[in-house]
Amino acid sequence: MPLYVYQVIEADGSEGEVFEVLQDMSEPPLTQHPGSGKPVQRLLGTPSAMPRFAPGNLSNQKLDSLGFTRYERSGKGTYEKTAGAGPRVITKDK
């Protein structure tokens, strides 16, 4: 269930309180603050990855099966592939 960010629109048109609401994606956006009844607008926000999907929590085998490539730093400006189908080594120098 996504976490949506809303902002109260004050009577004079100024921006008011910002608050968050957990809603199903199928639910329509709120038009009023749940407590005060003041009009609100939904704000655009950055999506947040759930911790179970964070790259650090996925094994190299899982990343490879999903079509991703993982590189780990092996020296200054050098990265070696640990999963996936990309080049074996990426270096800063060409």
N, C-alpha and C. Protein backbone atom coordinates (compact mmCIF):
# COMPACT_ATOMS: atom_id res chain seq x y z
N MET A 1 0.85 -1.17 0.00
CA MET A 1 0.00 0.00 0.00
C MET A 1 0.90 1.23 0.00
N PRO A 2 0.75 2.13 -0.99
CA PRO A 2 1.60 3.31 -1.08
C PRO A 2 1.30 4.34 0.01
N LEU A 3 2.31 5.11 0.33
CA LEU A 3 2.20 6.21 1.27
C LEU A 3 2.14 7.49 0.45
N TYR A 4 1.00 8.18 0.51
CA TYR A 4 0.81 9.41 -0.26
C TYR A 4 1.00 10.63 0.64
N VAL A 5 1.52 11.70 0.05
CA VAL A 5 1.75 12.95 0.78
C VAL A 5 0.73 13.98 0.30
N TYR A 6 0.07 14.60 1.26
CA TYR A 6 -0.94 15.63 0.98
C TYR A 6 -0.56 16.92 1.66
N GLN A 7 -1.10 18.03 1.14
CA GLN A 7 -0.90 19.33 1.76
C GLN A 7 -2.24 20.05 1.84
N VAL A 8 -2.49 20.65 3.00
CA VAL A 8 -3.72 21.42 3.21
C VAL A 8 -3.62 22.72 2.42
N ILE A 9 -4.74 23.10 1.80
CA ILE A 9 -4.83 24.39 1.11
C ILE A 9 -5.63 25.31 2.02
N GLU A 10 -4.99 26.32 2.54
CA GLU A 10 -5.65 27.25 3.47
C GLU A 10 -6.66 28.13 2.72
N ALA A 11 -7.56 28.76 3.45
CA ALA A 11 -8.63 29.59 2.86
C ALA A 11 -8.06 30.73 2.01
N ASP A 12 -6.89 31.26 2.41
CA ASP A 12 -6.29 32.35 1.63
C ASP A 12 -5.45 31.86 0.46
N GLY A 13 -5.45 30.53 0.24
CA GLY A 13 -4.70 29.96 -0.87
C GLY A 13 -3.27 29.56 -0.52
N SER A 14 -2.86 29.88 0.70
CA SER A 14 -1.48 29.54 1.09
C SER A 14 -1.39 28.05 1.42
N GLU A 15 -0.14 27.60 1.49
CA GLU A 15 0.10 26.19 1.78
C GLU A 15 0.03 25.95 3.27
N GLY A 16 -0.63 24.86 3.64
CA GLY A 16 -0.77 24.53 5.04
C GLY A 16 -0.01 23.26 5.41
N GLU A 17 -0.55 22.56 6.39
CA GLU A 17 0.07 21.35 6.93
C GLU A 17 0.31 20.29 5.84
N VAL A 18 1.44 19.61 5.94
CA VAL A 18 1.74 18.48 5.07
C VAL A 18 1.59 17.22 5.91
N PHE A 19 0.90 16.20 5.36
CA PHE A 19 0.70 14.96 6.10
C PHE A 19 0.73 13.78 5.13
N GLU A 20 0.90 12.59 5.69
CA GLU A 20 0.99 11.37 4.88
C GLU A 20 -0.18 10.44 5.20
N VAL A 21 -0.63 9.70 4.17
CA VAL A 21 -1.74 8.77 4.34
C VAL A 21 -1.41 7.49 3.56
N LEU A 22 -1.59 6.33 4.20
CA LEU A 22 -1.48 5.05 3.50
C LEU A 22 -2.81 4.79 2.80
N GLN A 23 -2.77 4.58 1.48
CA GLN A 23 -3.98 4.33 0.71
C GLN A 23 -3.70 3.26 -0.33
N ASP A 24 -4.71 2.51 -0.68
CA ASP A 24 -4.61 1.61 -1.82
C ASP A 24 -4.49 2.44 -3.08
N MET A 25 -3.81 1.89 -4.08
CA MET A 25 -3.67 2.61 -5.35
C MET A 25 -5.02 2.81 -6.02
N SER A 26 -5.97 1.95 -5.74
CA SER A 26 -7.28 2.03 -6.37
C SER A 26 -8.18 3.10 -5.72
N GLU A 27 -7.78 3.58 -4.53
CA GLU A 27 -8.58 4.61 -3.85
C GLU A 27 -8.40 5.96 -4.52
N PRO A 28 -9.48 6.75 -4.61
CA PRO A 28 -9.32 8.10 -5.17
C PRO A 28 -8.54 8.99 -4.21
N PRO A 29 -7.85 10.02 -4.74
CA PRO A 29 -7.12 10.93 -3.86
C PRO A 29 -8.06 11.63 -2.88
N LEU A 30 -7.54 11.95 -1.70
CA LEU A 30 -8.33 12.71 -0.72
C LEU A 30 -8.59 14.10 -1.26
N THR A 31 -9.71 14.67 -0.90
CA THR A 31 -10.03 16.05 -1.25
C THR A 31 -10.11 16.92 0.00
N GLN A 32 -10.23 16.27 1.17
CA GLN A 32 -10.32 16.99 2.44
C GLN A 32 -9.43 16.32 3.48
N HIS A 33 -8.92 17.13 4.41
CA HIS A 33 -8.12 16.61 5.52
C HIS A 33 -9.03 15.72 6.37
N PRO A 34 -8.55 14.51 6.73
CA PRO A 34 -9.41 13.60 7.49
C PRO A 34 -9.85 14.15 8.85
N GLY A 35 -9.05 15.01 9.46
CA GLY A 35 -9.40 15.55 10.78
C GLY A 35 -10.11 16.88 10.73
N SER A 36 -9.56 17.82 9.96
CA SER A 36 -10.09 19.19 9.97
C SER A 36 -11.12 19.45 8.88
N GLY A 37 -11.14 18.63 7.84
CA GLY A 37 -12.08 18.85 6.74
C GLY A 37 -11.63 19.92 5.75
N LYS A 38 -10.45 20.51 5.97
CA LYS A 38 -9.95 21.53 5.04
C LYS A 38 -9.59 20.87 3.71
N PRO A 39 -9.67 21.64 2.61
CA PRO A 39 -9.31 21.07 1.30
C PRO A 39 -7.82 20.74 1.25
N VAL A 40 -7.50 19.68 0.52
CA VAL A 40 -6.11 19.24 0.39
C VAL A 40 -5.78 18.94 -1.07
N GLN A 41 -4.48 18.90 -1.35
CA GLN A 41 -4.00 18.46 -2.65
C GLN A 41 -2.92 17.41 -2.43
N ARG A 42 -2.89 16.41 -3.32
CA ARG A 42 -1.86 15.38 -3.20
C ARG A 42 -0.59 15.90 -3.87
N LEU A 43 0.54 15.74 -3.20
CA LEU A 43 1.82 16.20 -3.70
C LEU A 43 2.56 15.08 -4.41
N LEU A 44 3.37 15.45 -5.36
CA LEU A 44 4.24 14.47 -6.00
C LEU A 44 5.41 14.22 -5.07
N GLY A 45 5.75 12.98 -4.89
CA GLY A 45 6.86 12.64 -4.03
C GLY A 45 7.74 11.61 -4.70
N THR A 46 8.89 11.37 -4.10
CA THR A 46 9.78 10.36 -4.64
C THR A 46 9.36 9.00 -4.12
N PRO A 47 9.36 8.01 -4.97
CA PRO A 47 9.02 6.68 -4.49
C PRO A 47 10.10 6.15 -3.56
N SER A 48 9.70 5.37 -2.61
CA SER A 48 10.68 4.78 -1.71
C SER A 48 10.67 3.28 -1.90
N ALA A 49 11.86 2.72 -2.01
CA ALA A 49 11.97 1.27 -2.18
C ALA A 49 11.75 0.59 -0.84
N MET A 50 11.01 -0.47 -0.86
CA MET A 50 10.83 -1.24 0.35
C MET A 50 12.14 -1.96 0.67
N PRO A 51 12.51 -2.08 1.94
CA PRO A 51 13.79 -2.69 2.29
C PRO A 51 14.01 -4.08 1.70
N ARG A 52 12.96 -4.86 1.53
CA ARG A 52 13.16 -6.21 0.99
C ARG A 52 13.56 -6.19 -0.47
N PHE A 53 13.37 -5.05 -1.16
CA PHE A 53 13.76 -4.93 -2.56
C PHE A 53 15.05 -4.15 -2.74
N ALA A 54 15.66 -3.70 -1.66
CA ALA A 54 16.90 -2.94 -1.76
C ALA A 54 17.99 -3.84 -2.34
N PRO A 55 18.82 -3.30 -3.26
CA PRO A 55 19.83 -4.14 -3.91
C PRO A 55 20.74 -4.88 -2.94
N GLY A 56 21.03 -4.32 -1.80
CA GLY A 56 21.89 -4.98 -0.83
C GLY A 56 21.27 -6.24 -0.24
N ASN A 57 19.95 -6.38 -0.36
CA ASN A 57 19.25 -7.53 0.20
C ASN A 57 19.04 -8.65 -0.82
N LEU A 58 19.48 -8.44 -2.07
CA LEU A 58 19.29 -9.46 -3.10
C LEU A 58 20.61 -10.17 -3.36
N SER A 59 20.54 -11.48 -3.45
CA SER A 59 21.75 -12.26 -3.73
C SER A 59 22.18 -12.04 -5.18
N ASN A 60 23.42 -12.36 -5.46
CA ASN A 60 23.92 -12.24 -6.83
C ASN A 60 23.12 -13.12 -7.78
N GLN A 61 22.74 -14.32 -7.32
CA GLN A 61 21.97 -15.22 -8.16
C GLN A 61 20.58 -14.63 -8.48
N LYS A 62 19.95 -14.02 -7.48
CA LYS A 62 18.63 -13.41 -7.68
C LYS A 62 18.72 -12.23 -8.65
N LEU A 63 19.74 -11.37 -8.46
CA LEU A 63 19.92 -10.24 -9.38
C LEU A 63 20.12 -10.73 -10.80
N ASP A 64 20.97 -11.76 -10.96
CA ASP A 64 21.24 -12.32 -12.29
C ASP A 64 19.96 -12.86 -12.92
N SER A 65 19.13 -13.57 -12.13
CA SER A 65 17.90 -14.13 -12.67
C SER A 65 16.89 -13.05 -13.05
N LEU A 66 16.99 -11.89 -12.42
CA LEU A 66 16.09 -10.77 -12.74
C LEU A 66 16.62 -9.89 -13.87
N GLY A 67 17.82 -10.21 -14.37
CA GLY A 67 18.39 -9.46 -15.49
C GLY A 67 19.23 -8.27 -15.09
N PHE A 68 19.62 -8.16 -13.82
CA PHE A 68 20.45 -7.06 -13.36
C PHE A 68 21.91 -7.47 -13.31
N THR A 69 22.79 -6.49 -13.36
CA THR A 69 24.22 -6.73 -13.19
C THR A 69 24.69 -5.97 -11.96
N ARG A 70 25.50 -6.64 -11.14
CA ARG A 70 26.05 -6.00 -9.93
C ARG A 70 27.56 -5.91 -10.07
N TYR A 71 28.09 -4.74 -9.70
CA TYR A 71 29.53 -4.52 -9.68
C TYR A 71 29.93 -4.13 -8.27
N GLU A 72 31.12 -4.58 -7.87
CA GLU A 72 31.68 -4.18 -6.58
C GLU A 72 33.03 -3.56 -6.82
N ARG A 73 33.31 -2.53 -6.06
CA ARG A 73 34.57 -1.81 -6.21
C ARG A 73 35.72 -2.72 -5.80
N SER A 74 36.71 -2.82 -6.68
CA SER A 74 37.85 -3.68 -6.39
C SER A 74 39.15 -2.88 -6.29
N GLY A 75 39.10 -1.63 -6.57
CA GLY A 75 40.27 -0.76 -6.49
C GLY A 75 39.85 0.64 -6.87
N LYS A 76 40.78 1.56 -6.80
CA LYS A 76 40.47 2.95 -7.13
C LYS A 76 40.08 3.06 -8.61
N GLY A 77 38.82 3.35 -8.86
CA GLY A 77 38.34 3.50 -10.22
C GLY A 77 38.07 2.20 -10.95
N THR A 78 38.10 1.06 -10.26
CA THR A 78 37.88 -0.23 -10.89
C THR A 78 36.74 -0.97 -10.19
N TYR A 79 35.84 -1.53 -10.99
CA TYR A 79 34.72 -2.30 -10.46
C TYR A 79 34.68 -3.64 -11.19
N GLU A 80 34.47 -4.72 -10.43
CA GLU A 80 34.39 -6.05 -11.01
C GLU A 80 32.98 -6.58 -10.89
N LYS A 81 32.55 -7.27 -11.94
CA LYS A 81 31.20 -7.84 -11.99
C LYS A 81 31.09 -9.00 -11.00
N THR A 82 30.01 -9.01 -10.22
CA THR A 82 29.75 -10.13 -9.32
C THR A 82 28.47 -10.87 -9.72
N ALA A 83 27.66 -10.25 -10.58
CA ALA A 83 26.43 -10.90 -11.06
C ALA A 83 26.01 -10.25 -12.36
N GLY A 84 25.34 -11.00 -13.21
CA GLY A 84 24.77 -10.44 -14.43
C GLY A 84 25.60 -10.68 -15.67
N ALA A 85 25.18 -10.03 -16.75
CA ALA A 85 25.75 -10.30 -18.07
C ALA A 85 26.59 -9.15 -18.61
N GLY A 86 26.90 -8.15 -17.82
CA GLY A 86 27.67 -7.01 -18.30
C GLY A 86 29.15 -7.34 -18.45
N PRO A 87 29.95 -6.32 -18.79
CA PRO A 87 31.39 -6.53 -18.91
C PRO A 87 31.98 -7.01 -17.57
N ARG A 88 33.06 -7.79 -17.63
CA ARG A 88 33.67 -8.35 -16.43
C ARG A 88 34.23 -7.27 -15.52
N VAL A 89 34.83 -6.22 -16.10
CA VAL A 89 35.46 -5.16 -15.32
C VAL A 89 35.09 -3.82 -15.92
N ILE A 90 34.85 -2.83 -15.06
CA ILE A 90 34.63 -1.45 -15.50
C ILE A 90 35.73 -0.63 -14.84
N THR A 91 36.43 0.16 -15.65
CA THR A 91 37.49 1.01 -15.10
C THR A 91 37.22 2.46 -15.45
N LYS A 92 37.78 3.33 -14.64
CA LYS A 92 37.64 4.77 -14.88
C LYS A 92 38.37 5.16 -16.16
N ASP A 93 39.54 4.57 -16.38
CA ASP A 93 40.34 4.86 -17.58
C ASP A 93 39.84 4.01 -18.74
N LYS A 94 39.86 4.58 -19.92
CA LYS A 94 39.39 3.81 -21.11
C LYS A 94 40.55 3.20 -21.83
